[in-house]
Structure formats: structure tokens, C-alpha cells
């Protein structure tokens, strides 16, 4: 399994709009992508201009399909002007034995 984490620094004036579009993106990913197993969106009231995403895919190929999807391309276009920066990292999930 491939885990993807993303930390967004959101423009302060765009927090409400960003929350709307990122929550829609999570819903779309889970409903439209068979290999998207988890898509969590996290906020912290103490840091309202930040968001943390945790996504889980079957493998790298599934994540590549996610990046090529129309709903991701729409999210990327809508969210781009709303954020100051983002950091994306990928991880290999290691199940506990």
C-alpha cells in the first residue's frame, strides 16, 4: 500500500473555500477510485490556515491514476490559487505483524 501525506499552507483569506474544495476532492476520490482506500482531511483550529491530508492507495500505479483523474485535475486547478505552499510525501505502508 502507498500512503500519501500532504501539508497545505492556505492563504488566510481562502481558508473557507479551500476547505470546501478539499472535502469535495476527498469525497470524489473515495467514490470514484476503486484503489483509493482512505482519504482523510485534517484541520487544527489553532492553525486554521493549514490542512493535512492522509491518503492510502493500493500501489503507486493507483496513485498515478488518481493524479490523472479529471476530479484531481479540477481540484488542482481550483485549489492552486488558494494555497501558499504544499508538501507532498509518499510512504510505503508496513503492516504490523
PDB file of N, CA and C in Angstrom:
ATOM      1  N   UNK A   1       0.857  -1.184   0.000  1.00  0.00           N
ATOM      2  CA  UNK A   1       0.000   0.000   0.000  1.00  0.00           C
ATOM      3  C   UNK A   1       0.898   1.240   0.000  1.00  0.00           C
ATOM      4  N   UNK A   2       0.424   2.248  -0.713  1.00  0.00           N
ATOM      5  CA  UNK A   2       1.133   3.517  -0.783  1.00  0.00           C
ATOM      6  C   UNK A   2       0.371   4.554   0.030  1.00  0.00           C
ATOM      7  N   UNK A   3       1.044   5.155   0.994  1.00  0.00           N
ATOM      8  CA  UNK A   3       0.465   6.247   1.769  1.00  0.00           C
ATOM      9  C   UNK A   3       1.001   7.561   1.221  1.00  0.00           C
ATOM     10  N   UNK A   4       0.122   8.532   1.117  1.00  0.00           N
ATOM     11  CA  UNK A   4       0.490   9.860   0.632  1.00  0.00           C
ATOM     12  C   UNK A   4       0.077  10.862   1.701  1.00  0.00           C
ATOM     13  N   UNK A   5       1.008  11.732   2.071  1.00  0.00           N
ATOM     14  CA  UNK A   5       0.679  12.811   3.001  1.00  0.00           C
ATOM     15  C   UNK A   5       0.899  14.144   2.297  1.00  0.00           C
ATOM     16  N   UNK A   6       0.025  15.083   2.593  1.00  0.00           N
ATOM     17  CA  UNK A   6       0.139  16.419   2.015  1.00  0.00           C
ATOM     18  C   UNK A   6      -0.144  17.427   3.119  1.00  0.00           C
ATOM     19  N   UNK A   7       0.729  18.413   3.244  1.00  0.00           N
ATOM     20  CA  UNK A   7       0.504  19.525   4.164  1.00  0.00           C
ATOM     21  C   UNK A   7       0.340  20.778   3.309  1.00  0.00           C
ATOM     22  N   UNK A   8      -0.801  21.434   3.475  1.00  0.00           N
ATOM     23  CA  UNK A   8      -1.094  22.673   2.754  1.00  0.00           C
ATOM     24  C   UNK A   8      -0.975  23.855   3.704  1.00  0.00           C
ATOM     25  N   UNK A   9      -0.333  24.913   3.244  1.00  0.00           N
ATOM     26  CA  UNK A   9      -0.400  26.223   3.883  1.00  0.00           C
ATOM     27  C   UNK A   9      -1.328  27.050   3.005  1.00  0.00           C
ATOM     28  N   UNK A  10      -2.458  27.418   3.589  1.00  0.00           N
ATOM     29  CA  UNK A  10      -3.537  28.054   2.841  1.00  0.00           C
ATOM     30  C   UNK A  10      -3.484  29.564   3.031  1.00  0.00           C
ATOM     31  N   UNK A  11      -3.788  30.300   1.996  1.00  0.00           N
ATOM     32  CA  UNK A  11      -3.880  31.749   2.128  1.00  0.00           C
ATOM     33  C   UNK A  11      -4.988  32.065   3.139  1.00  0.00           C
ATOM     34  N   UNK A  12      -4.720  32.924   4.102  1.00  0.00           N
ATOM     35  CA  UNK A  12      -5.703  33.177   5.172  1.00  0.00           C
ATOM     36  C   UNK A  12      -7.090  33.561   4.665  1.00  0.00           C
ATOM     37  N   UNK A  13      -7.152  34.298   3.595  1.00  0.00           N
ATOM     38  CA  UNK A  13      -8.451  34.729   3.074  1.00  0.00           C
ATOM     39  C   UNK A  13      -9.171  33.617   2.293  1.00  0.00           C
ATOM     40  N   UNK A  14      -8.489  32.493   2.088  1.00  0.00           N
ATOM     41  CA  UNK A  14      -9.057  31.417   1.266  1.00  0.00           C
ATOM     42  C   UNK A  14      -9.391  30.154   2.059  1.00  0.00           C
ATOM     43  N   UNK A  15      -9.305  30.210   3.379  1.00  0.00           N
ATOM     44  CA  UNK A  15      -9.496  29.015   4.202  1.00  0.00           C
ATOM     45  C   UNK A  15     -10.860  28.370   3.971  1.00  0.00           C
ATOM     46  N   UNK A  16     -11.917  29.134   3.989  1.00  0.00           N
ATOM     47  CA  UNK A  16     -13.262  28.572   3.835  1.00  0.00           C
ATOM     48  C   UNK A  16     -13.419  27.900   2.476  1.00  0.00           C
ATOM     49  N   UNK A  17     -12.987  28.558   1.429  1.00  0.00           N
ATOM     50  CA  UNK A  17     -13.106  27.991   0.079  1.00  0.00           C
ATOM     51  C   UNK A  17     -12.228  26.755  -0.072  1.00  0.00           C
ATOM     52  N   UNK A  18     -11.010  26.798   0.472  1.00  0.00           N
ATOM     53  CA  UNK A  18     -10.133  25.628   0.379  1.00  0.00           C
ATOM     54  C   UNK A  18     -10.769  24.427   1.076  1.00  0.00           C
ATOM     55  N   UNK A  19     -11.326  24.644   2.243  1.00  0.00           N
ATOM     56  CA  UNK A  19     -11.968  23.535   2.958  1.00  0.00           C
ATOM     57  C   UNK A  19     -13.081  22.916   2.116  1.00  0.00           C
ATOM     58  N   UNK A  20     -13.842  23.738   1.452  1.00  0.00           N
ATOM     59  CA  UNK A  20     -14.914  23.220   0.605  1.00  0.00           C
ATOM     60  C   UNK A  20     -14.357  22.344  -0.518  1.00  0.00           C
ATOM     61  N   UNK A  21     -13.351  22.844  -1.225  1.00  0.00           N
ATOM     62  CA  UNK A  21     -12.851  22.090  -2.379  1.00  0.00           C
ATOM     63  C   UNK A  21     -12.073  20.843  -1.964  1.00  0.00           C
ATOM     64  N   UNK A  22     -11.350  20.890  -0.854  1.00  0.00           N
ATOM     65  CA  UNK A  22     -10.583  19.707  -0.453  1.00  0.00           C
ATOM     66  C   UNK A  22     -11.500  18.608   0.072  1.00  0.00           C
ATOM     67  N   UNK A  23     -12.567  18.973   0.760  1.00  0.00           N
ATOM     68  CA  UNK A  23     -13.513  17.955   1.228  1.00  0.00           C
ATOM     69  C   UNK A  23     -14.257  17.319   0.055  1.00  0.00           C
ATOM     70  N   UNK A  24     -14.554  18.100  -0.976  1.00  0.00           N
ATOM     71  CA  UNK A  24     -15.160  17.536  -2.180  1.00  0.00           C
ATOM     72  C   UNK A  24     -14.181  16.602  -2.876  1.00  0.00           C
ATOM     73  N   UNK A  25     -12.920  16.966  -2.907  1.00  0.00           N
ATOM     74  CA  UNK A  25     -11.899  16.115  -3.518  1.00  0.00           C
ATOM     75  C   UNK A  25     -11.797  14.782  -2.785  1.00  0.00           C
ATOM     76  N   UNK A  26     -11.834  14.807  -1.472  1.00  0.00           N
ATOM     77  CA  UNK A  26     -11.777  13.565  -0.701  1.00  0.00           C
ATOM     78  C   UNK A  26     -12.970  12.673  -1.047  1.00  0.00           C
ATOM     79  N   UNK A  27     -14.142  13.264  -1.087  1.00  0.00           N
ATOM     80  CA  UNK A  27     -15.367  12.521  -1.418  1.00  0.00           C
ATOM     81  C   UNK A  27     -15.265  11.929  -2.823  1.00  0.00           C
ATOM     82  N   UNK A  28     -14.844  12.725  -3.782  1.00  0.00           N
ATOM     83  CA  UNK A  28     -14.702  12.242  -5.161  1.00  0.00           C
ATOM     84  C   UNK A  28     -13.702  11.096  -5.257  1.00  0.00           C
ATOM     85  N   UNK A  29     -12.579  11.241  -4.587  1.00  0.00           N
ATOM     86  CA  UNK A  29     -11.543  10.206  -4.661  1.00  0.00           C
ATOM     87  C   UNK A  29     -12.050   8.882  -4.114  1.00  0.00           C
ATOM     88  N   UNK A  30     -12.721   8.942  -2.977  1.00  0.00           N
ATOM     89  CA  UNK A  30     -13.225   7.710  -2.361  1.00  0.00           C
ATOM     90  C   UNK A  30     -14.349   7.084  -3.184  1.00  0.00           C
ATOM     91  N   UNK A  31     -15.188   7.896  -3.781  1.00  0.00           N
ATOM     92  CA  UNK A  31     -16.318   7.368  -4.551  1.00  0.00           C
ATOM     93  C   UNK A  31     -15.942   6.920  -5.962  1.00  0.00           C
ATOM     94  N   UNK A  32     -14.971   7.575  -6.570  1.00  0.00           N
ATOM     95  CA  UNK A  32     -14.678   7.331  -7.980  1.00  0.00           C
ATOM     96  C   UNK A  32     -13.452   6.463  -8.233  1.00  0.00           C
ATOM     97  N   UNK A  33     -12.647   6.240  -7.189  1.00  0.00           N
ATOM     98  CA  UNK A  33     -11.405   5.491  -7.375  1.00  0.00           C
ATOM     99  C   UNK A  33     -11.437   4.223  -6.535  1.00  0.00           C
ATOM    100  N   UNK A  34     -11.541   3.109  -7.221  1.00  0.00           N
ATOM    101  CA  UNK A  34     -11.607   1.821  -6.541  1.00  0.00           C
ATOM    102  C   UNK A  34     -10.364   1.556  -5.690  1.00  0.00           C
ATOM    103  N   UNK A  35      -9.212   2.042  -6.110  1.00  0.00           N
ATOM    104  CA  UNK A  35      -7.958   1.754  -5.414  1.00  0.00           C
ATOM    105  C   UNK A  35      -7.565   2.818  -4.399  1.00  0.00           C
ATOM    106  N   UNK A  36      -8.427   3.812  -4.185  1.00  0.00           N
ATOM    107  CA  UNK A  36      -8.208   4.794  -3.123  1.00  0.00           C
ATOM    108  C   UNK A  36      -8.906   4.252  -1.890  1.00  0.00           C
ATOM    109  N   UNK A  37      -8.138   3.822  -0.906  1.00  0.00           N
ATOM    110  CA  UNK A  37      -8.688   3.143   0.268  1.00  0.00           C
ATOM    111  C   UNK A  37      -9.001   4.089   1.423  1.00  0.00           C
ATOM    112  N   UNK A  38      -8.347   5.237   1.436  1.00  0.00           N
ATOM    113  CA  UNK A  38      -8.542   6.183   2.537  1.00  0.00           C
ATOM    114  C   UNK A  38      -8.172   7.572   2.030  1.00  0.00           C
ATOM    115  N   UNK A  39      -8.918   8.559   2.482  1.00  0.00           N
ATOM    116  CA  UNK A  39      -8.612   9.948   2.129  1.00  0.00           C
ATOM    117  C   UNK A  39      -9.100  10.813   3.279  1.00  0.00           C
ATOM    118  N   UNK A  40      -8.216  11.027   4.225  1.00  0.00           N
ATOM    119  CA  UNK A  40      -8.548  11.809   5.418  1.00  0.00           C
ATOM    120  C   UNK A  40      -8.073  13.246   5.253  1.00  0.00           C
ATOM    121  N   UNK A  41      -8.926  14.176   5.641  1.00  0.00           N
ATOM    122  CA  UNK A  41      -8.602  15.595   5.620  1.00  0.00           C
ATOM    123  C   UNK A  41      -8.644  16.076   7.069  1.00  0.00           C
ATOM    124  N   UNK A  42      -7.543  16.668   7.531  1.00  0.00           N
ATOM    125  CA  UNK A  42      -7.435  17.077   8.932  1.00  0.00           C
ATOM    126  C   UNK A  42      -7.173  18.579   9.021  1.00  0.00           C
ATOM    127  N   UNK A  43      -7.843  19.205   9.977  1.00  0.00           N
ATOM    128  CA  UNK A  43      -7.656  20.622  10.273  1.00  0.00           C
ATOM    129  C   UNK A  43      -7.374  20.773  11.761  1.00  0.00           C
ATOM    130  N   UNK A  44      -6.732  21.867  12.113  1.00  0.00           N
ATOM    131  CA  UNK A  44      -6.431  22.179  13.508  1.00  0.00           C
ATOM    132  C   UNK A  44      -6.916  23.603  13.763  1.00  0.00           C
ATOM    133  N   UNK A  45      -7.858  23.755  14.707  1.00  0.00           N
ATOM    134  CA  UNK A  45      -8.401  25.085  14.998  1.00  0.00           C
ATOM    135  C   UNK A  45      -7.325  26.089  15.392  1.00  0.00           C
ATOM    136  N   UNK A  46      -6.224  25.610  15.970  1.00  0.00           N
ATOM    137  CA  UNK A  46      -5.137  26.504  16.366  1.00  0.00           C
ATOM    138  C   UNK A  46      -4.324  26.997  15.167  1.00  0.00           C
ATOM    139  N   UNK A  47      -4.450  26.281  14.034  1.00  0.00           N
ATOM    140  CA  UNK A  47      -3.735  26.653  12.802  1.00  0.00           C
ATOM    141  C   UNK A  47      -4.712  26.582  11.632  1.00  0.00           C
ATOM    142  N   UNK A  48      -5.652  27.507  11.561  1.00  0.00           N
ATOM    143  CA  UNK A  48      -6.719  27.404  10.557  1.00  0.00           C
ATOM    144  C   UNK A  48      -6.234  27.493   9.111  1.00  0.00           C
ATOM    145  N   UNK A  49      -5.065  28.029   8.879  1.00  0.00           N
ATOM    146  CA  UNK A  49      -4.564  28.167   7.509  1.00  0.00           C
ATOM    147  C   UNK A  49      -3.686  26.981   7.102  1.00  0.00           C
ATOM    148  N   UNK A  50      -3.853  25.854   7.804  1.00  0.00           N
ATOM    149  CA  UNK A  50      -3.123  24.640   7.442  1.00  0.00           C
ATOM    150  C   UNK A  50      -4.116  23.490   7.293  1.00  0.00           C
ATOM    151  N   UNK A  51      -3.752  22.539   6.447  1.00  0.00           N
ATOM    152  CA  UNK A  51      -4.530  21.311   6.299  1.00  0.00           C
ATOM    153  C   UNK A  51      -3.549  20.170   6.099  1.00  0.00           C
ATOM    154  N   UNK A  52      -3.938  19.000   6.600  1.00  0.00           N
ATOM    155  CA  UNK A  52      -3.131  17.791   6.466  1.00  0.00           C
ATOM    156  C   UNK A  52      -3.986  16.716   5.825  1.00  0.00           C
ATOM    157  N   UNK A  53      -3.473  16.098   4.765  1.00  0.00           N
ATOM    158  CA  UNK A  53      -4.173  15.004   4.092  1.00  0.00           C
ATOM    159  C   UNK A  53      -3.396  13.719   4.287  1.00  0.00           C
ATOM    160  N   UNK A  54      -4.133  12.628   4.525  1.00  0.00           N
ATOM    161  CA  UNK A  54      -3.565  11.287   4.568  1.00  0.00           C
ATOM    162  C   UNK A  54      -4.375  10.441   3.598  1.00  0.00           C
ATOM    163  N   UNK A  55      -3.700   9.943   2.571  1.00  0.00           N
ATOM    164  CA  UNK A  55      -4.362   9.165   1.526  1.00  0.00           C
ATOM    165  C   UNK A  55      -3.697   7.795   1.443  1.00  0.00           C
ATOM    166  N   UNK A  56      -4.478   6.782   1.144  1.00  0.00           N
ATOM    167  CA  UNK A  56      -3.950   5.427   1.053  1.00  0.00           C
ATOM    168  C   UNK A  56      -4.440   4.790  -0.241  1.00  0.00           C
ATOM    169  N   UNK A  57      -3.487   4.310  -1.041  1.00  0.00           N
ATOM    170  CA  UNK A  57      -3.764   3.705  -2.348  1.00  0.00           C
ATOM    171  C   UNK A  57      -3.191   2.289  -2.397  1.00  0.00           C
ATOM    172  N   UNK A  58      -3.747   1.462  -3.267  1.00  0.00           N
ATOM    173  CA  UNK A  58      -3.259   0.090  -3.394  1.00  0.00           C
ATOM    174  C   UNK A  58      -1.772   0.045  -3.739  1.00  0.00           C
ATOM    175  N   UNK A  59      -1.344   0.957  -4.614  1.00  0.00           N
ATOM    176  CA  UNK A  59       0.050   0.975  -5.047  1.00  0.00           C
ATOM    177  C   UNK A  59       0.327   2.283  -5.780  1.00  0.00           C
ATOM    178  N   UNK A  60       1.544   2.433  -6.264  1.00  0.00           N
ATOM    179  CA  UNK A  60       1.940   3.663  -6.963  1.00  0.00           C
ATOM    180  C   UNK A  60       1.117   3.872  -8.232  1.00  0.00           C
ATOM    181  N   UNK A  61       0.808   2.786  -8.921  1.00  0.00           N
ATOM    182  CA  UNK A  61       0.006   2.903 -10.142  1.00  0.00           C
ATOM    183  C   UNK A  61      -1.371   3.487  -9.833  1.00  0.00           C
ATOM    184  N   UNK A  62      -1.951   3.104  -8.712  1.00  0.00           N
ATOM    185  CA  UNK A  62      -3.258   3.643  -8.312  1.00  0.00           C
ATOM    186  C   UNK A  62      -3.156   5.135  -8.023  1.00  0.00           C
ATOM    187  N   UNK A  63      -2.056   5.550  -7.402  1.00  0.00           N
ATOM    188  CA  UNK A  63      -1.859   6.977  -7.133  1.00  0.00           C
ATOM    189  C   UNK A  63      -1.655   7.745  -8.434  1.00  0.00           C
ATOM    190  N   UNK A  64      -0.928   7.151  -9.362  1.00  0.00           N
ATOM    191  CA  UNK A  64      -0.740   7.797 -10.665  1.00  0.00           C
ATOM    192  C   UNK A  64      -2.081   7.972 -11.386  1.00  0.00           C
ATOM    193  N   UNK A  65      -2.971   6.988 -11.276  1.00  0.00           N
ATOM    194  CA  UNK A  65      -4.317   7.122 -11.858  1.00  0.00           C
ATOM    195  C   UNK A  65      -5.081   8.251 -11.170  1.00  0.00           C
ATOM    196  N   UNK A  66      -4.914   8.372  -9.857  1.00  0.00           N
ATOM    197  CA  UNK A  66      -5.535   9.461  -9.097  1.00  0.00           C
ATOM    198  C   UNK A  66      -5.082  10.807  -9.668  1.00  0.00           C
ATOM    199  N   UNK A  67      -3.773  10.951  -9.862  1.00  0.00           N
ATOM    200  CA  UNK A  67      -3.234  12.215 -10.365  1.00  0.00           C
ATOM    201  C   UNK A  67      -3.716  12.534 -11.780  1.00  0.00           C
ATOM    202  N   UNK A  68      -4.049  11.507 -12.545  1.00  0.00           N
ATOM    203  CA  UNK A  68      -4.512  11.692 -13.931  1.00  0.00           C
ATOM    204  C   UNK A  68      -6.027  11.882 -14.032  1.00  0.00           C
ATOM    205  N   UNK A  69      -6.740  11.706 -12.924  1.00  0.00           N
ATOM    206  CA  UNK A  69      -8.207  11.771 -12.966  1.00  0.00           C
ATOM    207  C   UNK A  69      -8.694  13.207 -13.193  1.00  0.00           C
ATOM    208  N   UNK A  70      -9.856  13.314 -13.806  1.00  0.00           N
ATOM    209  CA  UNK A  70     -10.449  14.628 -14.033  1.00  0.00           C
ATOM    210  C   UNK A  70     -10.738  15.345 -12.723  1.00  0.00           C
ATOM    211  N   UNK A  71     -11.228  14.604 -11.733  1.00  0.00           N
ATOM    212  CA  UNK A  71     -11.553  15.277 -10.471  1.00  0.00           C
ATOM    213  C   UNK A  71     -10.311  15.792  -9.768  1.00  0.00           C
ATOM    214  N   UNK A  72      -9.159  15.094  -9.900  1.00  0.00           N
ATOM    215  CA  UNK A  72      -7.925  15.634  -9.325  1.00  0.00           C
ATOM    216  C   UNK A  72      -7.486  16.879 -10.097  1.00  0.00           C
ATOM    217  N   UNK A  73      -7.548  16.819 -11.410  1.00  0.00           N
ATOM    218  CA  UNK A  73      -7.138  17.981 -12.210  1.00  0.00           C
ATOM    219  C   UNK A  73      -8.003  19.199 -11.875  1.00  0.00           C
ATOM    220  N   UNK A  74      -9.304  18.983 -11.675  1.00  0.00           N
ATOM    221  CA  UNK A  74     -10.184  20.087 -11.272  1.00  0.00           C
ATOM    222  C   UNK A  74      -9.810  20.619  -9.894  1.00  0.00           C
ATOM    223  N   UNK A  75      -9.549  19.709  -8.954  1.00  0.00           N
ATOM    224  CA  UNK A  75      -9.134  20.126  -7.614  1.00  0.00           C
ATOM    225  C   UNK A  75      -7.838  20.922  -7.677  1.00  0.00           C
ATOM    226  N   UNK A  76      -6.880  20.430  -8.427  1.00  0.00           N
ATOM    227  CA  UNK A  76      -5.582  21.109  -8.532  1.00  0.00           C
ATOM    228  C   UNK A  76      -5.753  22.522  -9.085  1.00  0.00           C
ATOM    229  N   UNK A  77      -6.599  22.665 -10.099  1.00  0.00           N
ATOM    230  CA  UNK A  77      -6.836  23.988 -10.698  1.00  0.00           C
ATOM    231  C   UNK A  77      -7.579  24.911  -9.727  1.00  0.00           C
ATOM    232  N   UNK A  78      -8.561  24.371  -9.012  1.00  0.00           N
ATOM    233  CA  UNK A  78      -9.334  25.190  -8.062  1.00  0.00           C
ATOM    234  C   UNK A  78      -8.521  25.559  -6.828  1.00  0.00           C
ATOM    235  N   UNK A  79      -7.749  24.612  -6.317  1.00  0.00           N
ATOM    236  CA  UNK A  79      -7.039  24.848  -5.055  1.00  0.00           C
ATOM    237  C   UNK A  79      -5.744  25.628  -5.232  1.00  0.00           C
ATOM    238  N   UNK A  80      -5.135  25.544  -6.403  1.00  0.00           N
ATOM    239  CA  UNK A  80      -3.850  26.207  -6.627  1.00  0.00           C
ATOM    240  C   UNK A  80      -3.813  27.658  -6.188  1.00  0.00           C
ATOM    241  N   UNK A  81      -4.762  28.472  -6.604  1.00  0.00           N
ATOM    242  CA  UNK A  81      -4.741  29.882  -6.208  1.00  0.00           C
ATOM    243  C   UNK A  81      -5.050  30.115  -4.721  1.00  0.00           C
ATOM    244  N   UNK A  82      -5.510  29.082  -4.033  1.00  0.00           N
ATOM    245  CA  UNK A  82      -5.911  29.236  -2.631  1.00  0.00           C
ATOM    246  C   UNK A  82      -4.790  28.925  -1.647  1.00  0.00           C
ATOM    247  N   UNK A  83      -3.708  28.327  -2.138  1.00  0.00           N
ATOM    248  CA  UNK A  83      -2.641  27.885  -1.227  1.00  0.00           C
ATOM    249  C   UNK A  83      -1.353  28.647  -1.449  1.00  0.00           C
ATOM    250  N   UNK A  84      -0.623  28.792  -0.345  1.00  0.00           N
ATOM    251  CA  UNK A  84       0.707  29.400  -0.415  1.00  0.00           C
ATOM    252  C   UNK A  84       1.767  28.359  -0.737  1.00  0.00           C
ATOM    253  N   UNK A  85       1.596  27.153  -0.172  1.00  0.00           N
ATOM    254  CA  UNK A  85       2.550  26.075  -0.426  1.00  0.00           C
ATOM    255  C   UNK A  85       1.921  24.745  -0.060  1.00  0.00           C
ATOM    256  N   UNK A  86       2.558  23.690  -0.557  1.00  0.00           N
ATOM    257  CA  UNK A  86       2.155  22.340  -0.181  1.00  0.00           C
ATOM    258  C   UNK A  86       3.371  21.441  -0.232  1.00  0.00           C
ATOM    259  N   UNK A  87       3.380  20.473   0.668  1.00  0.00           N
ATOM    260  CA  UNK A  87       4.459  19.487   0.726  1.00  0.00           C
ATOM    261  C   UNK A  87       3.811  18.117   0.598  1.00  0.00           C
ATOM    262  N   UNK A  88       4.221  17.376  -0.424  1.00  0.00           N
ATOM    263  CA  UNK A  88       3.672  16.046  -0.698  1.00  0.00           C
ATOM    264  C   UNK A  88       4.775  15.020  -0.453  1.00  0.00           C
ATOM    265  N   UNK A  89       4.441  13.991   0.313  1.00  0.00           N
ATOM    266  CA  UNK A  89       5.379  12.899   0.547  1.00  0.00           C
ATOM    267  C   UNK A  89       4.659  11.579   0.336  1.00  0.00           C
ATOM    268  N   UNK A  90       5.409  10.567  -0.130  1.00  0.00           N
ATOM    269  CA  UNK A  90       4.852   9.225  -0.278  1.00  0.00           C
ATOM    270  C   UNK A  90       5.614   8.272   0.632  1.00  0.00           C
ATOM    271  N   UNK A  91       4.888   7.262   1.079  1.00  0.00           N
ATOM    272  CA  UNK A  91       5.405   6.303   2.058  1.00  0.00           C
ATOM    273  C   UNK A  91       4.918   4.905   1.689  1.00  0.00           C
ATOM    274  N   UNK A  92       5.667   3.911   2.018  1.00  0.00           N
ATOM    275  CA  UNK A  92       5.233   2.526   1.867  1.00  0.00           C
ATOM    276  C   UNK A  92       4.679   2.071   3.221  1.00  0.00           C
ATOM    277  N   UNK A  93       3.410   1.703   3.240  1.00  0.00           N
ATOM    278  CA  UNK A  93       2.766   1.246   4.460  1.00  0.00           C
ATOM    279  C   UNK A  93       3.314  -0.127   4.841  1.00  0.00           C
ATOM    280  N   UNK A  94       3.740  -0.270   6.074  1.00  0.00           N
ATOM    281  CA  UNK A  94       4.258  -1.534   6.584  1.00  0.00           C
ATOM    282  C   UNK A  94       3.282  -2.069   7.625  1.00  0.00           C
ATOM    283  N   UNK A  95       2.553  -3.126   7.301  1.00  0.00           N
ATOM    284  CA  UNK A  95       1.597  -3.659   8.262  1.00  0.00           C
ATOM    285  C   UNK A  95       2.293  -4.213   9.497  1.00  0.00           C
ATOM    286  N   UNK A  96       1.675  -4.023  10.642  1.00  0.00           N
ATOM    287  CA  UNK A  96       2.201  -4.587  11.885  1.00  0.00           C
ATOM    288  C   UNK A  96       2.029  -6.099  11.845  1.00  0.00           C
ATOM    289  N   UNK A  97       3.008  -6.790  12.347  1.00  0.00           N
ATOM    290  CA  UNK A  97       2.923  -8.257  12.351  1.00  0.00           C
ATOM    291  C   UNK A  97       2.819  -8.776  13.767  1.00  0.00           C
TER     292      UNK A  97
END
